[in-house]
Amino acid sequence: MPSYGFFVRHVKGMEMTNVEVSYLKEDLRPAFMLEDVKGAEFNLVKGQHAPGVPVLRVKNVADFTLFHCGLLPDTRAAMIERKDF
């Protein structure tokens, strides 16, 4: 799996609110990965991550919102081809 927490692929309309994921042993994968998603909203979401590893990786995601997710920047985007947060 490309993430240790949530791997969301080929989905339309998803929302995560007040979700936190962590690991017992350090993992070099992101906590969340979205691929080919339309309409994704993250509110108050946190993920443990190793140094240099993103919390969230998105690929081909339309209508994306990231809000109040720890140190991650609040983001709104009509389309993201690929980005790590």
C-alpha atoms as a PDB file:
ATOM      1  CA  MET A   1       0.000   0.000   0.000  1.00  0.00           C
ATOM      2  CA  PRO A   2       1.292   3.503  -0.799  1.00  0.00           C
ATOM      3  CA  SER A   3       0.227   4.906   2.600  1.00  0.00           C
ATOM      4  CA  TYR A   4       0.149   3.513   6.112  1.00  0.00           C
ATOM      5  CA  GLY A   5      -3.214   5.084   7.004  1.00  0.00           C
ATOM      6  CA  PHE A   6      -5.775   5.850   4.305  1.00  0.00           C
ATOM      7  CA  PHE A   7      -5.353   5.170   0.576  1.00  0.00           C
ATOM      8  CA  VAL A   8      -8.316   6.665  -1.290  1.00  0.00           C
ATOM      9  CA  ARG A   9      -8.551   6.005  -5.029  1.00  0.00           C
ATOM     10  CA  HIS A  10     -11.241   6.520  -7.695  1.00  0.00           C
ATOM     11  CA  VAL A  11     -13.657   8.230  -5.313  1.00  0.00           C
ATOM     12  CA  LYS A  12     -16.133  11.062  -5.826  1.00  0.00           C
ATOM     13  CA  GLY A  13     -17.058  13.210  -2.842  1.00  0.00           C
ATOM     14  CA  MET A  14     -15.168  12.384   0.354  1.00  0.00           C
ATOM     15  CA  GLU A  15     -14.800  14.237   3.628  1.00  0.00           C
ATOM     16  CA  MET A  16     -12.584  13.558   6.622  1.00  0.00           C
ATOM     17  CA  THR A  17     -13.154  15.515   9.804  1.00  0.00           C
ATOM     18  CA  ASN A  18     -11.364  15.130  13.134  1.00  0.00           C
ATOM     19  CA  VAL A  19      -9.252  12.138  12.029  1.00  0.00           C
ATOM     20  CA  GLU A  20      -5.805  11.353  13.402  1.00  0.00           C
ATOM     21  CA  VAL A  21      -3.581   8.424  12.367  1.00  0.00           C
ATOM     22  CA  SER A  22      -0.276   7.270  13.845  1.00  0.00           C
ATOM     23  CA  TYR A  23       2.037   4.287  13.799  1.00  0.00           C
ATOM     24  CA  LEU A  24       3.793   2.150  16.405  1.00  0.00           C
ATOM     25  CA  LYS A  25       6.986   1.793  14.346  1.00  0.00           C
ATOM     26  CA  GLU A  26       8.331   4.552  12.073  1.00  0.00           C
ATOM     27  CA  ASP A  27       6.938   4.263   8.538  1.00  0.00           C
ATOM     28  CA  LEU A  28       8.334   5.956   5.433  1.00  0.00           C
ATOM     29  CA  ARG A  29       4.958   6.173   3.687  1.00  0.00           C
ATOM     30  CA  PRO A  30       2.573   9.133   3.996  1.00  0.00           C
ATOM     31  CA  ALA A  31      -0.368   8.847   6.375  1.00  0.00           C
ATOM     32  CA  PHE A  32      -2.874   9.675   3.619  1.00  0.00           C
ATOM     33  CA  MET A  33      -2.809   9.236  -0.143  1.00  0.00           C
ATOM     34  CA  LEU A  34      -5.467  10.374  -2.586  1.00  0.00           C
ATOM     35  CA  GLU A  35      -5.428   9.371  -6.245  1.00  0.00           C
ATOM     36  CA  ASP A  36      -8.017  10.169  -8.912  1.00  0.00           C
ATOM     37  CA  VAL A  37     -10.469  11.790  -6.492  1.00  0.00           C
ATOM     38  CA  LYS A  38     -13.145  14.410  -7.218  1.00  0.00           C
ATOM     39  CA  GLY A  39     -14.263  16.473  -4.258  1.00  0.00           C
ATOM     40  CA  ALA A  40     -12.011  15.877  -1.240  1.00  0.00           C
ATOM     41  CA  GLU A  41     -12.265  17.831   2.001  1.00  0.00           C
ATOM     42  CA  PHE A  42      -9.940  17.453   4.993  1.00  0.00           C
ATOM     43  CA  ASN A  43     -10.812  19.276   8.233  1.00  0.00           C
ATOM     44  CA  LEU A  44      -8.897  18.879  11.513  1.00  0.00           C
ATOM     45  CA  VAL A  45      -6.929  15.915  10.139  1.00  0.00           C
ATOM     46  CA  LYS A  46      -3.488  14.907  11.458  1.00  0.00           C
ATOM     47  CA  GLY A  47      -1.019  12.189  10.599  1.00  0.00           C
ATOM     48  CA  GLN A  48       2.236  11.178  12.224  1.00  0.00           C
ATOM     49  CA  HIS A  49       5.145  11.199   9.788  1.00  0.00           C
ATOM     50  CA  ALA A  50       8.854  10.507   9.713  1.00  0.00           C
ATOM     51  CA  PRO A  51      11.255  13.375   8.909  1.00  0.00           C
ATOM     52  CA  GLY A  52      11.186  14.174   5.197  1.00  0.00           C
ATOM     53  CA  VAL A  53       8.012  12.145   4.590  1.00  0.00           C
ATOM     54  CA  PRO A  54       4.784  13.991   3.693  1.00  0.00           C
ATOM     55  CA  VAL A  55       1.630  13.618   5.761  1.00  0.00           C
ATOM     56  CA  LEU A  56      -0.543  13.704   2.642  1.00  0.00           C
ATOM     57  CA  ARG A  57       0.182  12.911  -1.011  1.00  0.00           C
ATOM     58  CA  VAL A  58      -2.370  13.823  -3.704  1.00  0.00           C
ATOM     59  CA  LYS A  59      -2.382  12.820  -7.372  1.00  0.00           C
ATOM     60  CA  ASN A  60      -5.014  13.901  -9.904  1.00  0.00           C
ATOM     61  CA  VAL A  61      -7.396  15.365  -7.339  1.00  0.00           C
ATOM     62  CA  ALA A  62     -10.113  17.874  -8.268  1.00  0.00           C
ATOM     63  CA  ASP A  63     -11.993  20.213  -5.891  1.00  0.00           C
ATOM     64  CA  PHE A  64      -9.601  19.768  -2.972  1.00  0.00           C
ATOM     65  CA  THR A  65      -9.843  21.506   0.422  1.00  0.00           C
ATOM     66  CA  LEU A  66      -7.442  21.236   3.360  1.00  0.00           C
ATOM     67  CA  PHE A  67      -8.431  23.243   6.453  1.00  0.00           C
ATOM     68  CA  HIS A  68      -7.069  23.372  10.037  1.00  0.00           C
ATOM     69  CA  CYS A  69      -4.857  20.311   9.613  1.00  0.00           C
ATOM     70  CA  GLY A  70      -2.055  20.932  12.090  1.00  0.00           C
ATOM     71  CA  LEU A  71       0.968  22.562  10.479  1.00  0.00           C
ATOM     72  CA  LEU A  72      -0.239  21.898   6.922  1.00  0.00           C
ATOM     73  CA  PRO A  73      -1.205  25.054   5.021  1.00  0.00           C
ATOM     74  CA  ASP A  74      -4.890  25.705   4.453  1.00  0.00           C
ATOM     75  CA  THR A  75      -5.402  24.926   0.764  1.00  0.00           C
ATOM     76  CA  ARG A  76      -8.180  25.155  -1.809  1.00  0.00           C
ATOM     77  CA  ALA A  77      -7.533  23.953  -5.337  1.00  0.00           C
ATOM     78  CA  ALA A  78      -9.676  23.228  -8.377  1.00  0.00           C
ATOM     79  CA  MET A  79      -7.151  20.639  -9.567  1.00  0.00           C
ATOM     80  CA  ILE A  80      -3.900  19.164  -8.245  1.00  0.00           C
ATOM     81  CA  GLU A  81      -1.913  16.895 -10.522  1.00  0.00           C
ATOM     82  CA  ARG A  82       0.600  15.910  -7.850  1.00  0.00           C
ATOM     83  CA  LYS A  83       1.531  17.486  -4.531  1.00  0.00           C
ATOM     84  CA  ASP A  84       2.912  16.454  -1.171  1.00  0.00           C
ATOM     85  CA  PHE A  85       1.785  18.174   2.025  1.00  0.00           C
END
